[in-house]
N, C-alpha and C. Protein backbone atom coordinates (compact mmCIF):
# COMPACT_ATOMS: atom_id res chain seq x y z
N MET A 1 -30.29 -107.95 -0.74
CA MET A 1 -28.80 -108.30 -0.53
C MET A 1 -28.61 -109.13 0.05
N ILE A 2 -28.58 -110.44 -0.03
CA ILE A 2 -28.87 -111.46 1.04
C ILE A 2 -27.22 -111.78 1.43
N ALA A 3 -26.80 -111.95 2.72
CA ALA A 3 -25.83 -111.72 3.53
C ALA A 3 -25.52 -113.38 3.54
N TYR A 4 -24.30 -113.50 3.71
CA TYR A 4 -23.22 -114.96 3.93
C TYR A 4 -24.08 -115.82 4.79
N CYS A 5 -24.92 -115.53 5.99
CA CYS A 5 -25.89 -116.35 6.46
C CYS A 5 -27.39 -116.16 6.18
N GLY A 6 -27.58 -115.21 5.21
CA GLY A 6 -29.08 -115.75 4.88
C GLY A 6 -30.07 -114.52 4.96
N LEU A 7 -29.38 -113.77 6.13
CA LEU A 7 -30.28 -112.31 6.57
C LEU A 7 -30.38 -111.46 5.22
N ASP A 8 -31.02 -110.61 5.14
CA ASP A 8 -31.29 -110.13 3.78
C ASP A 8 -30.78 -108.50 4.51
N CYS A 9 -29.44 -107.98 4.12
CA CYS A 9 -28.83 -106.84 4.82
C CYS A 9 -29.83 -105.64 4.28
N SER A 10 -30.29 -105.57 3.12
CA SER A 10 -31.16 -104.33 3.02
C SER A 10 -32.60 -104.16 3.96
N LYS A 11 -32.92 -105.30 4.65
CA LYS A 11 -33.78 -105.21 5.88
C LYS A 11 -33.58 -104.97 7.24
N CYS A 12 -32.29 -104.77 7.48
CA CYS A 12 -31.27 -104.41 8.33
C CYS A 12 -31.99 -102.92 8.83
N VAL A 13 -32.14 -102.58 10.30
CA VAL A 13 -32.25 -101.36 10.47
C VAL A 13 -30.81 -100.48 10.58
N GLY A 14 -30.39 -101.22 10.76
CA GLY A 14 -28.40 -100.51 10.75
C GLY A 14 -28.31 -99.93 9.12
N PHE A 15 -28.28 -101.16 8.06
CA PHE A 15 -28.10 -100.94 7.18
C PHE A 15 -29.38 -99.52 6.90
N ILE A 16 -30.43 -99.64 7.23
CA ILE A 16 -31.25 -98.99 6.44
C ILE A 16 -31.12 -97.31 7.49
N ALA A 17 -30.67 -97.12 8.48
CA ALA A 17 -29.83 -95.97 9.20
C ALA A 17 -28.99 -95.57 8.33
N THR A 18 -27.76 -96.47 8.10
CA THR A 18 -26.72 -95.99 7.30
C THR A 18 -27.19 -95.16 6.12
N GLN A 19 -27.85 -96.00 5.21
CA GLN A 19 -27.85 -95.65 3.81
C GLN A 19 -28.57 -94.11 4.17
N SER A 20 -29.43 -93.78 5.24
CA SER A 20 -30.29 -92.87 4.77
C SER A 20 -29.50 -91.36 5.72
N GLY A 21 -28.07 -92.25 5.74
CA GLY A 21 -27.26 -90.67 6.53
C GLY A 21 -27.21 -89.73 7.23
N ASP A 22 -28.73 -90.16 8.04
CA ASP A 22 -29.39 -89.07 9.34
C ASP A 22 -28.87 -89.49 10.40
N PRO A 23 -27.70 -89.09 11.04
CA PRO A 23 -27.07 -89.48 12.17
C PRO A 23 -28.00 -89.76 13.61
N LYS A 24 -29.60 -89.11 13.70
CA LYS A 24 -30.53 -89.12 14.26
C LYS A 24 -30.78 -90.36 14.28
N GLU A 25 -30.69 -91.37 12.91
CA GLU A 25 -31.53 -92.62 12.64
C GLU A 25 -30.33 -93.57 13.57
N LEU A 26 -29.21 -93.05 13.18
CA LEU A 26 -28.15 -94.27 14.03
C LEU A 26 -28.04 -94.22 15.38
N GLU A 27 -28.32 -93.14 15.69
CA GLU A 27 -28.53 -93.02 17.26
C GLU A 27 -29.67 -93.97 18.06
N ARG A 28 -30.99 -93.86 17.46
CA ARG A 28 -31.99 -94.50 17.40
C ARG A 28 -31.98 -96.02 17.61
N VAL A 29 -31.14 -96.75 16.17
CA VAL A 29 -31.03 -97.84 16.35
C VAL A 29 -29.67 -98.18 17.33
N ALA A 30 -29.05 -97.41 17.32
CA ALA A 30 -28.06 -97.87 18.77
C ALA A 30 -28.72 -98.12 19.76
N GLU A 31 -29.79 -96.94 20.37
CA GLU A 31 -30.47 -97.05 21.38
C GLU A 31 -31.28 -98.48 21.40
N ILE A 32 -31.99 -98.80 20.51
CA ILE A 32 -32.61 -99.94 20.42
C ILE A 32 -31.72 -101.40 20.28
N TRP A 33 -30.97 -101.61 19.71
CA TRP A 33 -29.92 -102.57 19.84
C TRP A 33 -29.20 -102.73 21.05
N SER A 34 -28.79 -101.57 21.60
CA SER A 34 -28.34 -101.66 23.59
C SER A 34 -29.57 -102.20 24.11
N VAL A 35 -30.81 -101.96 24.19
CA VAL A 35 -31.78 -102.87 24.65
C VAL A 35 -31.97 -103.57 24.40
N GLN A 36 -32.39 -104.45 23.37
CA GLN A 36 -32.79 -105.63 22.41
C GLN A 36 -31.29 -106.51 22.83
N PHE A 37 -29.90 -106.25 23.21
CA PHE A 37 -28.71 -107.25 23.20
C PHE A 37 -28.25 -106.82 24.50
N ASN A 38 -28.96 -106.16 25.39
CA ASN A 38 -28.12 -105.85 26.84
C ASN A 38 -26.63 -105.30 26.50
N THR A 39 -26.09 -104.93 26.29
CA THR A 39 -24.89 -104.11 25.77
C THR A 39 -24.82 -102.55 25.22
N PRO A 40 -24.23 -102.02 26.11
CA PRO A 40 -23.83 -100.19 25.18
C PRO A 40 -23.30 -100.27 23.86
N ILE A 41 -24.34 -99.70 22.72
CA ILE A 41 -23.65 -99.76 21.43
C ILE A 41 -23.88 -98.20 21.39
N LYS A 42 -22.72 -97.63 20.51
CA LYS A 42 -22.98 -96.80 19.97
C LYS A 42 -23.43 -96.30 18.88
N PRO A 43 -23.74 -95.23 18.09
CA PRO A 43 -23.99 -95.34 16.91
C PRO A 43 -23.07 -95.74 15.78
N GLU A 44 -21.94 -95.39 15.81
CA GLU A 44 -21.02 -95.44 15.08
C GLU A 44 -20.58 -96.96 15.39
N HIS A 45 -21.09 -98.18 16.11
CA HIS A 45 -21.03 -99.21 15.57
C HIS A 45 -22.35 -100.00 15.25
N VAL A 46 -23.17 -98.88 14.78
CA VAL A 46 -24.39 -99.38 13.88
C VAL A 46 -23.72 -98.87 12.19
N VAL A 47 -23.37 -98.28 11.81
CA VAL A 47 -22.92 -97.79 10.30
C VAL A 47 -22.35 -99.33 9.50
N CYS A 48 -23.13 -99.43 8.84
CA CYS A 48 -22.91 -100.96 8.16
C CYS A 48 -23.75 -100.58 6.53
N ASP A 49 -22.49 -100.73 5.42
CA ASP A 49 -22.84 -101.13 4.06
C ASP A 49 -23.39 -102.07 3.67
N GLY A 50 -23.51 -103.19 4.46
CA GLY A 50 -23.76 -105.01 4.03
C GLY A 50 -22.54 -105.61 3.75
N CYS A 51 -22.85 -106.95 4.57
CA CYS A 51 -21.43 -107.73 4.76
C CYS A 51 -20.65 -107.87 4.00
N LYS A 52 -21.64 -107.99 2.41
CA LYS A 52 -20.64 -108.62 1.24
C LYS A 52 -20.32 -107.30 0.27
N GLY A 53 -21.25 -105.90 1.11
CA GLY A 53 -20.41 -104.82 0.16
C GLY A 53 -18.91 -104.13 0.83
N VAL A 54 -18.54 -103.35 -0.18
CA VAL A 54 -17.46 -102.80 -0.03
C VAL A 54 -17.85 -101.31 0.87
N GLY A 55 -17.00 -101.42 1.72
CA GLY A 55 -17.49 -100.55 2.41
C GLY A 55 -17.51 -100.83 4.47
N ARG A 56 -18.32 -99.74 4.90
CA ARG A 56 -18.42 -100.13 6.42
C ARG A 56 -19.08 -101.14 6.66
N LYS A 57 -18.60 -101.67 7.79
CA LYS A 57 -19.41 -103.18 8.21
C LYS A 57 -19.61 -102.30 9.72
N SER A 58 -20.83 -102.73 10.44
CA SER A 58 -21.44 -102.60 12.00
C SER A 58 -20.24 -103.28 12.24
N TYR A 59 -20.05 -103.30 13.94
CA TYR A 59 -18.91 -103.27 14.88
C TYR A 59 -19.32 -105.17 14.87
N HIS A 60 -20.48 -105.44 14.94
CA HIS A 60 -20.92 -106.84 14.94
C HIS A 60 -20.15 -107.67 13.97
N CYS A 61 -20.58 -107.13 12.57
CA CYS A 61 -20.52 -107.94 11.28
C CYS A 61 -18.76 -108.25 11.14
N ALA A 62 -18.18 -106.91 11.48
CA ALA A 62 -16.68 -106.39 11.42
C ALA A 62 -15.60 -107.39 12.20
N ASN A 63 -16.85 -107.62 13.23
CA ASN A 63 -15.85 -108.09 14.51
C ASN A 63 -16.05 -109.15 15.14
N SER A 64 -17.26 -109.83 15.35
CA SER A 64 -17.79 -110.61 15.60
C SER A 64 -18.28 -112.13 14.70
N CYS A 65 -18.90 -111.48 13.75
CA CYS A 65 -19.58 -112.56 12.89
C CYS A 65 -18.36 -113.32 12.32
N LYS A 66 -18.77 -114.82 12.38
CA LYS A 66 -17.67 -115.51 11.86
C LYS A 66 -18.11 -116.07 10.59
N MET A 67 -19.06 -115.62 9.54
CA MET A 67 -19.82 -116.42 8.62
C MET A 67 -18.95 -115.87 7.26
N PRO A 68 -18.29 -113.92 6.94
CA PRO A 68 -17.72 -113.43 6.34
C PRO A 68 -16.25 -114.53 6.15
N PRO A 69 -15.65 -114.29 7.28
CA PRO A 69 -14.58 -115.17 6.93
C PRO A 69 -14.32 -116.30 6.59
N CYS A 70 -15.01 -117.19 7.24
CA CYS A 70 -15.35 -118.72 6.74
C CYS A 70 -15.99 -118.76 5.28
N CYS A 71 -16.64 -118.30 5.09
CA CYS A 71 -17.17 -118.12 3.75
C CYS A 71 -15.64 -117.87 2.81
N SER A 72 -15.18 -116.81 2.51
CA SER A 72 -14.03 -116.33 2.11
C SER A 72 -13.42 -117.30 1.78
N ALA A 73 -13.08 -117.82 3.16
CA ALA A 73 -11.98 -118.96 3.47
C ALA A 73 -11.76 -119.95 2.26
N LYS A 74 -13.44 -120.46 2.21
CA LYS A 74 -14.20 -121.52 1.37
C LYS A 74 -14.04 -121.08 -0.40
N GLY A 75 -14.28 -120.27 -0.12
CA GLY A 75 -14.63 -119.37 -1.62
C GLY A 75 -15.87 -119.83 -1.83
N ILE A 76 -16.75 -119.40 -1.08
CA ILE A 76 -18.33 -119.74 -1.33
C ILE A 76 -18.62 -118.16 -1.00
N GLN A 77 -20.13 -118.39 -1.59
CA GLN A 77 -21.00 -116.89 -1.25
C GLN A 77 -21.76 -116.69 -0.39
N THR A 78 -22.29 -117.97 0.10
CA THR A 78 -23.13 -118.14 1.03
C THR A 78 -23.08 -119.48 1.75
N CYS A 79 -23.66 -119.44 3.02
CA CYS A 79 -23.36 -120.88 3.60
C CYS A 79 -24.43 -122.15 3.52
N ILE A 80 -24.98 -121.73 2.39
CA ILE A 80 -25.92 -122.85 2.07
C ILE A 80 -24.76 -123.54 0.99
N GLU A 81 -23.75 -123.03 0.29
CA GLU A 81 -22.86 -123.64 -0.55
C GLU A 81 -21.83 -124.95 0.40
N CYS A 82 -21.76 -124.44 1.73
CA CYS A 82 -20.69 -125.19 2.30
C CYS A 82 -21.06 -126.36 2.31
N LYS A 83 -20.34 -127.34 2.56
CA LYS A 83 -20.24 -128.98 2.78
C LYS A 83 -20.60 -129.52 4.14
N GLU A 84 -20.52 -128.32 5.47
CA GLU A 84 -20.69 -128.19 6.74
C GLU A 84 -22.29 -128.02 7.30
N TYR A 85 -22.55 -127.36 6.05
CA TYR A 85 -24.07 -126.36 6.11
C TYR A 85 -24.93 -127.80 6.92
N PRO A 86 -25.91 -126.90 7.84
CA PRO A 86 -25.59 -126.17 8.64
C PRO A 86 -24.81 -126.00 9.85
N CYS A 87 -23.51 -125.27 10.23
CA CYS A 87 -22.94 -125.63 11.29
C CYS A 87 -23.56 -124.88 12.45
N GLU A 88 -22.79 -125.10 13.91
CA GLU A 88 -23.38 -124.39 14.73
C GLU A 88 -23.70 -123.08 14.69
N GLU A 89 -22.52 -121.83 13.97
CA GLU A 89 -22.55 -120.80 14.37
C GLU A 89 -23.96 -120.72 13.42
N LEU A 90 -23.96 -120.65 12.12
CA LEU A 90 -25.27 -120.63 11.58
C LEU A 90 -26.57 -121.04 12.46
N SER A 91 -26.58 -122.27 12.76
CA SER A 91 -27.48 -122.92 13.14
C SER A 91 -28.58 -122.16 14.29
N PHE A 92 -27.74 -121.15 15.01
CA PHE A 92 -28.25 -120.12 15.68
C PHE A 92 -29.09 -118.89 15.00
N ILE A 93 -28.82 -118.61 13.84
CA ILE A 93 -29.34 -117.39 13.22
C ILE A 93 -30.40 -118.39 12.58
N LEU A 94 -30.40 -119.58 11.86
CA LEU A 94 -31.33 -120.12 11.22
C LEU A 94 -32.82 -120.47 12.38
N ASP A 95 -32.09 -120.97 13.02
CA ASP A 95 -33.29 -120.85 14.19
C ASP A 95 -34.03 -120.05 14.69
N ASN A 96 -33.45 -118.75 14.54
CA ASN A 96 -33.93 -117.48 15.26
C ASN A 96 -34.38 -116.82 14.25
N VAL A 97 -34.06 -116.76 13.26
CA VAL A 97 -34.66 -115.74 11.61
C VAL A 97 -35.15 -116.91 10.97
N PRO A 98 -36.31 -117.24 10.76
CA PRO A 98 -36.44 -118.37 9.20
C PRO A 98 -36.45 -117.83 8.02
N GLU A 99 -36.55 -116.30 7.96
CA GLU A 99 -36.65 -116.02 6.73
C GLU A 99 -34.69 -116.01 6.29
N ALA A 100 -33.77 -116.15 6.91
CA ALA A 100 -32.82 -116.33 6.31
C ALA A 100 -32.68 -117.88 6.16
N LYS A 101 -33.05 -118.88 6.81
CA LYS A 101 -32.74 -120.29 6.31
C LYS A 101 -33.61 -120.37 4.88
N SER A 102 -35.06 -120.07 4.80
CA SER A 102 -35.83 -119.43 3.37
C SER A 102 -34.96 -119.12 2.51
N ALA A 103 -33.99 -117.60 2.91
CA ALA A 103 -33.03 -117.10 1.41
C ALA A 103 -32.34 -117.94 0.91
N LEU A 104 -31.43 -118.59 2.39
CA LEU A 104 -30.09 -119.64 2.10
C LEU A 104 -31.04 -120.57 0.68
N GLU A 105 -31.89 -121.54 1.50
CA GLU A 105 -32.94 -122.39 0.34
C GLU A 105 -33.40 -122.25 -1.12
N LYS A 106 -33.74 -120.68 -0.97
CA LYS A 106 -33.69 -120.05 -2.37
C LYS A 106 -32.67 -120.06 -3.42
N LEU A 107 -31.39 -119.67 -2.84
CA LEU A 107 -30.35 -119.69 -3.16
C LEU A 107 -29.61 -121.02 -4.09
N GLY A 108 -29.73 -122.30 -2.99
CA GLY A 108 -29.23 -123.60 -4.13
C GLY A 108 -29.30 -124.72 -2.81
N THR A 109 -28.82 -125.56 -3.22
CA THR A 109 -28.72 -126.85 -2.51
C THR A 109 -27.18 -126.74 -2.08
N THR A 110 -27.25 -127.63 -1.16
CA THR A 110 -25.81 -127.94 -0.51
C THR A 110 -25.25 -128.66 -0.78
N GLY A 111 -25.55 -129.72 -1.96
CA GLY A 111 -24.66 -130.25 -2.69
C GLY A 111 -24.41 -131.75 -2.26
N LYS A 112 -25.40 -131.97 -0.67
CA LYS A 112 -25.20 -133.15 -0.06
C LYS A 112 -26.38 -134.47 -0.77
């Protein structure tokens, strides 16, 4: 399940914890993310069914990520389809998660 940005939602620990249905696993991920991102994160902020899925979105994906509304407004399925690929917002992800760039490149070309 490739997100707009190229991240694989099915490999996300938040997605995995949500799908497990185990509240303790959501608590564990919230603790990890709280340390990793140096901000308090509650278990309910972790709950996510994937950014393209119908259903619950993590707090970040629902409130901070700019890719879903941008892609929706442009009528595209992933950022690789955008004429502005890679934009500044996406470049941060691609620079830090090479797997996202590889996933997007497998999905197509930018059309440039």
